[in-house]
C-alpha atoms as a PDB file:
ATOM      1  CA  UNK A   1     -11.409   1.159  20.954  1.00  0.00           C
ATOM      2  CA  UNK A   2      -8.561  -1.160  21.811  1.00  0.00           C
ATOM      3  CA  UNK A   3      -6.031  -0.463  24.535  1.00  0.00           C
ATOM      4  CA  UNK A   4      -2.976   1.259  23.092  1.00  0.00           C
ATOM      5  CA  UNK A   5      -0.167  -1.168  22.322  1.00  0.00           C
ATOM      6  CA  UNK A   6       3.083  -0.740  24.209  1.00  0.00           C
ATOM      7  CA  UNK A   7       4.923  -3.932  23.268  1.00  0.00           C
ATOM      8  CA  UNK A   8       6.918  -4.943  20.214  1.00  0.00           C
ATOM      9  CA  UNK A   9       5.274  -4.609  16.799  1.00  0.00           C
ATOM     10  CA  UNK A  10       6.437  -7.078  14.132  1.00  0.00           C
ATOM     11  CA  UNK A  11       6.553  -6.054  10.474  1.00  0.00           C
ATOM     12  CA  UNK A  12       6.992  -8.327   7.471  1.00  0.00           C
ATOM     13  CA  UNK A  13       8.021  -6.436   4.348  1.00  0.00           C
ATOM     14  CA  UNK A  14       9.857  -3.765   6.325  1.00  0.00           C
ATOM     15  CA  UNK A  15      12.529  -3.329   3.648  1.00  0.00           C
ATOM     16  CA  UNK A  16       9.912  -2.477   0.988  1.00  0.00           C
ATOM     17  CA  UNK A  17       7.928   0.685   0.310  1.00  0.00           C
ATOM     18  CA  UNK A  18       4.735  -0.080   2.243  1.00  0.00           C
ATOM     19  CA  UNK A  19       6.437  -1.928   5.069  1.00  0.00           C
ATOM     20  CA  UNK A  20       9.072   0.781   5.282  1.00  0.00           C
ATOM     21  CA  UNK A  21       6.323   3.373   5.662  1.00  0.00           C
ATOM     22  CA  UNK A  22       4.831   1.325   8.508  1.00  0.00           C
ATOM     23  CA  UNK A  23       8.223   1.205  10.227  1.00  0.00           C
ATOM     24  CA  UNK A  24       8.678   4.962   9.761  1.00  0.00           C
ATOM     25  CA  UNK A  25       5.293   5.680  11.314  1.00  0.00           C
ATOM     26  CA  UNK A  26       5.854   3.294  14.231  1.00  0.00           C
ATOM     27  CA  UNK A  27       9.285   4.723  15.013  1.00  0.00           C
ATOM     28  CA  UNK A  28       7.856   8.259  14.899  1.00  0.00           C
ATOM     29  CA  UNK A  29       5.496   7.081  17.631  1.00  0.00           C
ATOM     30  CA  UNK A  30       8.355   5.631  19.700  1.00  0.00           C
ATOM     31  CA  UNK A  31       7.188   2.042  19.191  1.00  0.00           C
ATOM     32  CA  UNK A  32       9.468  -0.973  19.437  1.00  0.00           C
ATOM     33  CA  UNK A  33       9.702  -2.629  16.030  1.00  0.00           C
ATOM     34  CA  UNK A  34      10.857  -6.090  14.975  1.00  0.00           C
ATOM     35  CA  UNK A  35      11.429  -6.601  11.253  1.00  0.00           C
ATOM     36  CA  UNK A  36      11.044 -10.101   9.817  1.00  0.00           C
ATOM     37  CA  UNK A  37      13.723 -10.309   7.120  1.00  0.00           C
ATOM     38  CA  UNK A  38      15.147 -13.012   4.910  1.00  0.00           C
ATOM     39  CA  UNK A  39      18.676 -11.556   4.963  1.00  0.00           C
ATOM     40  CA  UNK A  40      19.627  -9.585   8.090  1.00  0.00           C
ATOM     41  CA  UNK A  41      22.943  -8.713   6.467  1.00  0.00           C
ATOM     42  CA  UNK A  42      21.420  -6.880   3.510  1.00  0.00           C
ATOM     43  CA  UNK A  43      21.926  -3.155   3.184  1.00  0.00           C
ATOM     44  CA  UNK A  44      18.256  -2.365   3.725  1.00  0.00           C
ATOM     45  CA  UNK A  45      18.023  -4.599   6.784  1.00  0.00           C
ATOM     46  CA  UNK A  46      21.130  -3.060   8.285  1.00  0.00           C
ATOM     47  CA  UNK A  47      19.720   0.414   7.677  1.00  0.00           C
ATOM     48  CA  UNK A  48      16.711  -0.592   9.766  1.00  0.00           C
ATOM     49  CA  UNK A  49      18.953  -1.960  12.503  1.00  0.00           C
ATOM     50  CA  UNK A  50      20.832   1.337  12.584  1.00  0.00           C
ATOM     51  CA  UNK A  51      17.532   3.035  13.414  1.00  0.00           C
ATOM     52  CA  UNK A  52      16.915   0.734  16.377  1.00  0.00           C
ATOM     53  CA  UNK A  53      14.765  -1.896  14.650  1.00  0.00           C
ATOM     54  CA  UNK A  54      15.222  -5.464  15.908  1.00  0.00           C
ATOM     55  CA  UNK A  55      15.921  -7.930  13.086  1.00  0.00           C
ATOM     56  CA  UNK A  56      14.492 -11.450  13.056  1.00  0.00           C
ATOM     57  CA  UNK A  57      15.771 -13.821  10.374  1.00  0.00           C
ATOM     58  CA  UNK A  58      13.022 -15.899   8.780  1.00  0.00           C
ATOM     59  CA  UNK A  59      12.404 -18.344   5.946  1.00  0.00           C
ATOM     60  CA  UNK A  60       8.936 -18.517   4.456  1.00  0.00           C
ATOM     61  CA  UNK A  61       9.290 -22.284   3.966  1.00  0.00           C
ATOM     62  CA  UNK A  62      10.311 -22.762   7.624  1.00  0.00           C
ATOM     63  CA  UNK A  63       7.252 -22.449   9.900  1.00  0.00           C
ATOM     64  CA  UNK A  64       9.387 -22.676  13.012  1.00  0.00           C
ATOM     65  CA  UNK A  65      11.442 -19.622  12.045  1.00  0.00           C
ATOM     66  CA  UNK A  66       8.285 -17.646  11.337  1.00  0.00           C
ATOM     67  CA  UNK A  67       6.609 -18.559  14.617  1.00  0.00           C
ATOM     68  CA  UNK A  68       9.802 -17.798  16.551  1.00  0.00           C
ATOM     69  CA  UNK A  69      10.042 -14.377  14.932  1.00  0.00           C
ATOM     70  CA  UNK A  70       6.497 -13.603  16.084  1.00  0.00           C
ATOM     71  CA  UNK A  71       6.926 -14.801  19.643  1.00  0.00           C
ATOM     72  CA  UNK A  72       5.878 -12.257  22.288  1.00  0.00           C
ATOM     73  CA  UNK A  73       4.888  -9.516  19.858  1.00  0.00           C
ATOM     74  CA  UNK A  74       1.852  -7.375  20.574  1.00  0.00           C
ATOM     75  CA  UNK A  75       0.839  -6.881  16.946  1.00  0.00           C
ATOM     76  CA  UNK A  76       1.932  -7.947  13.468  1.00  0.00           C
ATOM     77  CA  UNK A  77       1.782  -6.094  10.163  1.00  0.00           C
ATOM     78  CA  UNK A  78       2.344  -7.923   6.901  1.00  0.00           C
ATOM     79  CA  UNK A  79       2.019  -7.443   3.185  1.00  0.00           C
ATOM     80  CA  UNK A  80       2.618 -10.025   0.492  1.00  0.00           C
ATOM     81  CA  UNK A  81       4.912  -9.599  -2.529  1.00  0.00           C
ATOM     82  CA  UNK A  82       3.128  -8.057  -5.517  1.00  0.00           C
ATOM     83  CA  UNK A  83       2.475 -10.675  -8.172  1.00  0.00           C
ATOM     84  CA  UNK A  84       3.373  -9.979 -11.808  1.00  0.00           C
ATOM     85  CA  UNK A  85       2.356 -13.358 -13.249  1.00  0.00           C
ATOM     86  CA  UNK A  86      -0.103 -16.150 -12.499  1.00  0.00           C
ATOM     87  CA  UNK A  87       2.712 -18.250 -11.001  1.00  0.00           C
ATOM     88  CA  UNK A  88       3.579 -15.398  -8.683  1.00  0.00           C
ATOM     89  CA  UNK A  89      -0.086 -15.134  -7.667  1.00  0.00           C
ATOM     90  CA  UNK A  90       0.067 -18.675  -6.304  1.00  0.00           C
ATOM     91  CA  UNK A  91       3.353 -17.890  -4.564  1.00  0.00           C
ATOM     92  CA  UNK A  92       1.803 -14.794  -2.987  1.00  0.00           C
ATOM     93  CA  UNK A  93      -1.024 -16.856  -1.517  1.00  0.00           C
ATOM     94  CA  UNK A  94       1.496 -19.349  -0.092  1.00  0.00           C
ATOM     95  CA  UNK A  95       3.420 -16.527   1.593  1.00  0.00           C
ATOM     96  CA  UNK A  96       0.255 -15.031   3.047  1.00  0.00           C
ATOM     97  CA  UNK A  97      -1.098 -18.285   4.428  1.00  0.00           C
ATOM     98  CA  UNK A  98       2.299 -19.191   5.907  1.00  0.00           C
ATOM     99  CA  UNK A  99       2.407 -15.878   7.765  1.00  0.00           C
ATOM    100  CA  UNK A 100      -1.144 -16.320   9.048  1.00  0.00           C
ATOM    101  CA  UNK A 101      -0.321 -19.836  10.260  1.00  0.00           C
ATOM    102  CA  UNK A 102       2.758 -18.490  12.038  1.00  0.00           C
ATOM    103  CA  UNK A 103       0.725 -15.764  13.724  1.00  0.00           C
ATOM    104  CA  UNK A 104      -1.718 -18.419  14.944  1.00  0.00           C
ATOM    105  CA  UNK A 105       1.140 -20.599  16.230  1.00  0.00           C
ATOM    106  CA  UNK A 106       2.699 -17.641  18.050  1.00  0.00           C
ATOM    107  CA  UNK A 107      -0.692 -16.496  19.382  1.00  0.00           C
ATOM    108  CA  UNK A 108      -0.244 -12.966  18.070  1.00  0.00           C
ATOM    109  CA  UNK A 109      -2.949 -10.792  19.656  1.00  0.00           C
ATOM    110  CA  UNK A 110      -3.557  -8.495  16.664  1.00  0.00           C
ATOM    111  CA  UNK A 111      -2.767  -8.666  12.931  1.00  0.00           C
ATOM    112  CA  UNK A 112      -2.990  -5.972  10.259  1.00  0.00           C
ATOM    113  CA  UNK A 113      -2.887  -7.224   6.677  1.00  0.00           C
ATOM    114  CA  UNK A 114      -2.037  -4.921   3.786  1.00  0.00           C
ATOM    115  CA  UNK A 115      -4.518  -5.995   1.165  1.00  0.00           C
ATOM    116  CA  UNK A 116      -5.856  -3.998  -1.801  1.00  0.00           C
ATOM    117  CA  UNK A 117      -8.957  -2.002  -2.625  1.00  0.00           C
ATOM    118  CA  UNK A 118     -11.782  -4.284  -3.681  1.00  0.00           C
ATOM    119  CA  UNK A 119     -10.400  -7.387  -1.962  1.00  0.00           C
ATOM    120  CA  UNK A 120     -13.611  -7.810   0.004  1.00  0.00           C
ATOM    121  CA  UNK A 121     -14.856  -9.728  -3.057  1.00  0.00           C
ATOM    122  CA  UNK A 122     -13.485 -11.603  -6.034  1.00  0.00           C
ATOM    123  CA  UNK A 123     -12.798  -9.114  -8.797  1.00  0.00           C
ATOM    124  CA  UNK A 124     -11.333 -11.176 -11.638  1.00  0.00           C
ATOM    125  CA  UNK A 125      -7.977  -9.427 -11.159  1.00  0.00           C
ATOM    126  CA  UNK A 126      -5.655 -12.340 -10.277  1.00  0.00           C
ATOM    127  CA  UNK A 127      -3.177 -10.369  -8.149  1.00  0.00           C
ATOM    128  CA  UNK A 128      -6.061  -8.729  -6.278  1.00  0.00           C
ATOM    129  CA  UNK A 129      -8.031 -11.957  -5.844  1.00  0.00           C
ATOM    130  CA  UNK A 130      -4.910 -13.448  -4.234  1.00  0.00           C
ATOM    131  CA  UNK A 131      -5.271 -10.874  -1.471  1.00  0.00           C
ATOM    132  CA  UNK A 132      -8.976 -11.706  -1.223  1.00  0.00           C
ATOM    133  CA  UNK A 133      -7.956 -15.333  -0.611  1.00  0.00           C
ATOM    134  CA  UNK A 134      -5.489 -14.287   2.089  1.00  0.00           C
ATOM    135  CA  UNK A 135      -8.122 -12.070   3.721  1.00  0.00           C
ATOM    136  CA  UNK A 136     -10.528 -15.001   3.822  1.00  0.00           C
ATOM    137  CA  UNK A 137      -7.865 -17.287   5.287  1.00  0.00           C
ATOM    138  CA  UNK A 138      -7.003 -14.691   7.909  1.00  0.00           C
ATOM    139  CA  UNK A 139     -10.631 -14.186   8.900  1.00  0.00           C
ATOM    140  CA  UNK A 140     -11.071 -17.928   9.372  1.00  0.00           C
ATOM    141  CA  UNK A 141      -7.912 -18.182  11.505  1.00  0.00           C
ATOM    142  CA  UNK A 142      -9.561 -16.872  14.651  1.00  0.00           C
ATOM    143  CA  UNK A 143      -7.001 -14.079  14.973  1.00  0.00           C
ATOM    144  CA  UNK A 144      -8.064 -10.539  15.728  1.00  0.00           C
ATOM    145  CA  UNK A 145      -7.416  -9.034  12.324  1.00  0.00           C
ATOM    146  CA  UNK A 146      -7.858  -5.761  10.453  1.00  0.00           C
ATOM    147  CA  UNK A 147      -7.353  -5.101   6.749  1.00  0.00           C
ATOM    148  CA  UNK A 148      -5.987  -1.962   5.142  1.00  0.00           C
ATOM    149  CA  UNK A 149      -6.933  -1.818   1.466  1.00  0.00           C
ATOM    150  CA  UNK A 150      -4.824   0.731  -0.422  1.00  0.00           C
ATOM    151  CA  UNK A 151      -5.972   2.206  -3.699  1.00  0.00           C
ATOM    152  CA  UNK A 152      -3.523   3.352  -6.406  1.00  0.00           C
ATOM    153  CA  UNK A 153      -0.284   4.796  -5.017  1.00  0.00           C
ATOM    154  CA  UNK A 154       0.330   8.496  -5.641  1.00  0.00           C
ATOM    155  CA  UNK A 155       3.977   7.520  -6.014  1.00  0.00           C
ATOM    156  CA  UNK A 156       3.255   6.176  -9.511  1.00  0.00           C
ATOM    157  CA  UNK A 157       3.298   9.827 -10.614  1.00  0.00           C
ATOM    158  CA  UNK A 158       6.962   9.963  -9.640  1.00  0.00           C
ATOM    159  CA  UNK A 159       7.821   6.811 -11.586  1.00  0.00           C
ATOM    160  CA  UNK A 160       5.902   4.880 -14.252  1.00  0.00           C
ATOM    161  CA  UNK A 161       3.131   7.459 -14.723  1.00  0.00           C
ATOM    162  CA  UNK A 162       5.196  10.619 -14.291  1.00  0.00           C
ATOM    163  CA  UNK A 163       3.875  13.646 -16.190  1.00  0.00           C
ATOM    164  CA  UNK A 164       6.053  14.978 -19.002  1.00  0.00           C
ATOM    165  CA  UNK A 165       6.745  18.515 -20.188  1.00  0.00           C
ATOM    166  CA  UNK A 166       6.106  18.883 -23.898  1.00  0.00           C
ATOM    167  CA  UNK A 167       6.464  22.255 -25.643  1.00  0.00           C
ATOM    168  CA  UNK A 168       5.837  24.134 -22.410  1.00  0.00           C
ATOM    169  CA  UNK A 169       2.815  22.054 -21.401  1.00  0.00           C
ATOM    170  CA  UNK A 170       2.469  19.425 -18.656  1.00  0.00           C
ATOM    171  CA  UNK A 171       1.111  16.222 -20.195  1.00  0.00           C
ATOM    172  CA  UNK A 172      -0.238  13.253 -18.231  1.00  0.00           C
ATOM    173  CA  UNK A 173      -1.125   9.974 -19.925  1.00  0.00           C
ATOM    174  CA  UNK A 174      -2.914   7.042 -18.277  1.00  0.00           C
ATOM    175  CA  UNK A 175      -4.900   4.051 -19.600  1.00  0.00           C
ATOM    176  CA  UNK A 176      -8.021   5.451 -17.955  1.00  0.00           C
ATOM    177  CA  UNK A 177     -10.970   7.291 -19.569  1.00  0.00           C
ATOM    178  CA  UNK A 178     -10.871  11.011 -18.881  1.00  0.00           C
ATOM    179  CA  UNK A 179     -14.202  11.024 -17.066  1.00  0.00           C
ATOM    180  CA  UNK A 180     -13.239   8.216 -14.667  1.00  0.00           C
ATOM    181  CA  UNK A 181     -11.848   9.336 -11.280  1.00  0.00           C
ATOM    182  CA  UNK A 182      -8.847   7.483  -9.893  1.00  0.00           C
ATOM    183  CA  UNK A 183      -8.775   6.667  -6.183  1.00  0.00           C
ATOM    184  CA  UNK A 184      -5.301   7.124  -4.734  1.00  0.00           C
ATOM    185  CA  UNK A 185      -3.289   7.240  -1.512  1.00  0.00           C
ATOM    186  CA  UNK A 186       0.284   8.107  -0.595  1.00  0.00           C
ATOM    187  CA  UNK A 187       2.528   5.335   0.688  1.00  0.00           C
ATOM    188  CA  UNK A 188       3.355   7.531   3.681  1.00  0.00           C
ATOM    189  CA  UNK A 189      -0.288   7.539   4.702  1.00  0.00           C
ATOM    190  CA  UNK A 190      -0.648   3.776   4.261  1.00  0.00           C
ATOM    191  CA  UNK A 191       2.065   3.474   6.879  1.00  0.00           C
ATOM    192  CA  UNK A 192       0.462   5.999   9.204  1.00  0.00           C
ATOM    193  CA  UNK A 193      -2.968   4.371   9.084  1.00  0.00           C
ATOM    194  CA  UNK A 194      -1.491   0.913   9.632  1.00  0.00           C
ATOM    195  CA  UNK A 195       0.556   2.193  12.580  1.00  0.00           C
ATOM    196  CA  UNK A 196      -2.540   3.691  14.203  1.00  0.00           C
ATOM    197  CA  UNK A 197      -4.332   0.347  13.928  1.00  0.00           C
ATOM    198  CA  UNK A 198      -1.322  -1.621  15.184  1.00  0.00           C
ATOM    199  CA  UNK A 199      -0.889   0.666  18.183  1.00  0.00           C
ATOM    200  CA  UNK A 200      -4.593   0.600  19.018  1.00  0.00           C
ATOM    201  CA  UNK A 201      -5.103   4.355  18.701  1.00  0.00           C
ATOM    202  CA  UNK A 202      -7.727   3.730  16.001  1.00  0.00           C
ATOM    203  CA  UNK A 203      -9.827   0.914  14.607  1.00  0.00           C
ATOM    204  CA  UNK A 204     -10.813  -0.006  11.067  1.00  0.00           C
ATOM    205  CA  UNK A 205     -14.613   0.288  10.712  1.00  0.00           C
ATOM    206  CA  UNK A 206     -15.961  -3.232  10.363  1.00  0.00           C
ATOM    207  CA  UNK A 207     -12.430  -4.614  10.418  1.00  0.00           C
ATOM    208  CA  UNK A 208     -11.294  -3.114   7.097  1.00  0.00           C
ATOM    209  CA  UNK A 209     -10.617   0.323   5.663  1.00  0.00           C
ATOM    210  CA  UNK A 210     -10.213   1.375   2.036  1.00  0.00           C
ATOM    211  CA  UNK A 211      -7.311   3.803   1.903  1.00  0.00           C
ATOM    212  CA  UNK A 212      -8.181   6.798  -0.277  1.00  0.00           C
ATOM    213  CA  UNK A 213      -6.502  10.168   0.099  1.00  0.00           C
ATOM    214  CA  UNK A 214      -7.905  11.696  -3.081  1.00  0.00           C
ATOM    215  CA  UNK A 215     -10.156  10.830  -6.002  1.00  0.00           C
ATOM    216  CA  UNK A 216      -9.612  12.743  -9.252  1.00  0.00           C
ATOM    217  CA  UNK A 217     -10.149  12.330 -12.978  1.00  0.00           C
ATOM    218  CA  UNK A 218      -7.170  12.354 -15.341  1.00  0.00           C
ATOM    219  CA  UNK A 219      -7.697  15.984 -16.399  1.00  0.00           C
ATOM    220  CA  UNK A 220      -7.845  17.090 -12.751  1.00  0.00           C
ATOM    221  CA  UNK A 221      -4.687  15.115 -11.923  1.00  0.00           C
ATOM    222  CA  UNK A 222      -2.910  16.789 -14.843  1.00  0.00           C
ATOM    223  CA  UNK A 223      -4.209  20.182 -13.685  1.00  0.00           C
ATOM    224  CA  UNK A 224      -2.770  19.617 -10.202  1.00  0.00           C
ATOM    225  CA  UNK A 225       0.687  19.091 -11.666  1.00  0.00           C
ATOM    226  CA  UNK A 226       0.224  22.047 -14.014  1.00  0.00           C
ATOM    227  CA  UNK A 227      -0.748  24.282 -11.095  1.00  0.00           C
ATOM    228  CA  UNK A 228       2.384  23.258  -9.220  1.00  0.00           C
ATOM    229  CA  UNK A 229       4.560  23.995 -12.249  1.00  0.00           C
ATOM    230  CA  UNK A 230       2.691  27.180 -13.194  1.00  0.00           C
ATOM    231  CA  UNK A 231       2.099  25.761 -16.660  1.00  0.00           C
ATOM    232  CA  UNK A 232      -0.859  24.678 -18.783  1.00  0.00           C
ATOM    233  CA  UNK A 233      -1.683  20.978 -18.548  1.00  0.00           C
ATOM    234  CA  UNK A 234      -3.578  18.392 -20.536  1.00  0.00           C
ATOM    235  CA  UNK A 235      -4.553  14.760 -20.130  1.00  0.00           C
ATOM    236  CA  UNK A 236      -4.463  12.001 -22.733  1.00  0.00           C
ATOM    237  CA  UNK A 237      -6.395   8.798 -22.118  1.00  0.00           C
ATOM    238  CA  UNK A 238      -4.507   5.780 -23.466  1.00  0.00           C
ATOM    239  CA  UNK A 239      -5.944   2.424 -24.549  1.00  0.00           C
ATOM    240  CA  UNK A 240      -5.487  -0.538 -22.233  1.00  0.00           C
ATOM    241  CA  UNK A 241      -3.398  -2.172 -24.964  1.00  0.00           C
ATOM    242  CA  UNK A 242      -0.415  -0.011 -23.964  1.00  0.00           C
ATOM    243  CA  UNK A 243      -0.101  -1.999 -20.727  1.00  0.00           C
ATOM    244  CA  UNK A 244       2.444  -4.832 -20.857  1.00  0.00           C
ATOM    245  CA  UNK A 245       0.519  -7.660 -19.153  1.00  0.00           C
ATOM    246  CA  UNK A 246      -2.976  -9.069 -18.788  1.00  0.00           C
ATOM    247  CA  UNK A 247      -2.663  -8.494 -15.037  1.00  0.00           C
ATOM    248  CA  UNK A 248      -2.051  -4.775 -15.564  1.00  0.00           C
ATOM    249  CA  UNK A 249      -4.974  -4.497 -17.983  1.00  0.00           C
ATOM    250  CA  UNK A 250      -7.277  -6.272 -15.525  1.00  0.00           C
ATOM    251  CA  UNK A 251      -6.125  -3.922 -12.767  1.00  0.00           C
ATOM    252  CA  UNK A 252      -6.952  -0.773 -14.749  1.00  0.00           C
ATOM    253  CA  UNK A 253     -10.333  -2.190 -15.670  1.00  0.00           C
ATOM    254  CA  UNK A 254     -10.967  -2.571 -11.944  1.00  0.00           C
ATOM    255  CA  UNK A 255      -9.851   1.019 -11.319  1.00  0.00           C
ATOM    256  CA  UNK A 256     -12.553   2.123 -13.769  1.00  0.00           C
ATOM    257  CA  UNK A 257     -15.174  -0.105 -12.149  1.00  0.00           C
ATOM    258  CA  UNK A 258     -14.226   1.130  -8.661  1.00  0.00           C
ATOM    259  CA  UNK A 259     -15.003   4.688  -9.778  1.00  0.00           C
ATOM    260  CA  UNK A 260     -18.692   3.733  -9.879  1.00  0.00           C
ATOM    261  CA  UNK A 261     -18.601   3.815  -6.068  1.00  0.00           C
ATOM    262  CA  UNK A 262     -17.305   7.199  -4.845  1.00  0.00           C
ATOM    263  CA  UNK A 263     -14.969   7.078  -1.863  1.00  0.00           C
ATOM    264  CA  UNK A 264     -15.734   8.538   1.554  1.00  0.00           C
ATOM    265  CA  UNK A 265     -12.565  10.549   2.125  1.00  0.00           C
ATOM    266  CA  UNK A 266     -13.501  11.228   5.746  1.00  0.00           C
ATOM    267  CA  UNK A 267     -12.956   7.607   6.813  1.00  0.00           C
ATOM    268  CA  UNK A 268      -9.178   7.628   6.359  1.00  0.00           C
ATOM    269  CA  UNK A 269      -8.896  11.144   7.784  1.00  0.00           C
ATOM    270  CA  UNK A 270     -10.720  10.034  10.918  1.00  0.00           C
ATOM    271  CA  UNK A 271      -7.738   7.707  11.487  1.00  0.00           C
ATOM    272  CA  UNK A 272      -4.964   9.919  10.063  1.00  0.00           C
ATOM    273  CA  UNK A 273      -6.122  13.557   9.976  1.00  0.00           C
ATOM    274  CA  UNK A 274      -3.059  14.675   7.995  1.00  0.00           C
ATOM    275  CA  UNK A 275      -3.720  12.325   5.070  1.00  0.00           C
ATOM    276  CA  UNK A 276      -2.408  13.969   1.900  1.00  0.00           C
ATOM    277  CA  UNK A 277      -4.555  14.825  -1.070  1.00  0.00           C
ATOM    278  CA  UNK A 278      -2.768  14.860  -4.441  1.00  0.00           C
ATOM    279  CA  UNK A 279      -1.898  18.563  -4.395  1.00  0.00           C
ATOM    280  CA  UNK A 280      -0.427  18.196  -0.907  1.00  0.00           C
ATOM    281  CA  UNK A 281       1.529  15.100  -1.986  1.00  0.00           C
ATOM    282  CA  UNK A 282       2.937  17.009  -4.965  1.00  0.00           C
ATOM    283  CA  UNK A 283       4.111  19.786  -2.638  1.00  0.00           C
ATOM    284  CA  UNK A 284       5.397  17.395   0.032  1.00  0.00           C
ATOM    285  CA  UNK A 285       7.543  15.479  -2.452  1.00  0.00           C
ATOM    286  CA  UNK A 286       9.039  18.657  -3.889  1.00  0.00           C
ATOM    287  CA  UNK A 287       7.898  17.699  -7.388  1.00  0.00           C
ATOM    288  CA  UNK A 288       9.170  19.946 -10.153  1.00  0.00           C
ATOM    289  CA  UNK A 289       8.440  19.900 -13.861  1.00  0.00           C
ATOM    290  CA  UNK A 290      10.757  17.613 -15.851  1.00  0.00           C
ATOM    291  CA  UNK A 291      12.927  18.816 -18.695  1.00  0.00           C
ATOM    292  CA  UNK A 292      11.038  19.886 -21.795  1.00  0.00           C
ATOM    293  CA  UNK A 293      10.831  17.194 -24.482  1.00  0.00           C
ATOM    294  CA  UNK A 294       9.335  17.077 -27.933  1.00  0.00           C
ATOM    295  CA  UNK A 295       6.009  15.291 -28.230  1.00  0.00           C
ATOM    296  CA  UNK A 296       6.381  11.746 -29.506  1.00  0.00           C
END
């Protein structure tokens, strides 16, 4: 295992959900954190500064600013902006390669890249294959690198895939067959695993770790929310056609294909023993049943 890091840890994406979770975990461990930000004056950047995070202003199209921001850091965590179109896929690859080049120029000793589950191969999902390309570029860079590959975020059940309450029953709908288990992880635990790798208190087996906190079918996910609410629950599998984009449909097809290979839940827990399963995440977030609505 690597020697524990004691120097500054740089984070790109610190004002977002994943990057913010990395910062939270690093600060909990008393680490020194430098956030690479486009606008140091933004509200989110200033909130980081108020917590003792050093801000480094960067421009993705300015290699010198990127290399300067990574000077004298002990480790570097980065994630690329999620692509929602084919044009954005190309932009994501440009961002990733620019950050890798900067890490090489600054001679960063250790890099952790936030990729995605399945990025060890080309999947046919454009905004996942972009991360595969960045992984390949990073591996060829000569840098000491580790990949964290998150599965679906549990947080989707608080937003776009939130269960509803219909006539006294919890109802969950996803574009996933009812017999297909969904691999998932909390954003909090993505941050904690990444922090452990960055600080050298753990290593990713083989240089990469798939982040799975739980693996449940739709009916079992619905039942977990029903148990929390003390109400009956049911699951409805939706067709892929309900999804708004080809990228989203390709992603859910990959979720179904990934279910053919059951996850080893012990791997993540060997790095972060307190990794949440779905029931624990539901409790930790204080989830309560929404207001009752009529079925559509």
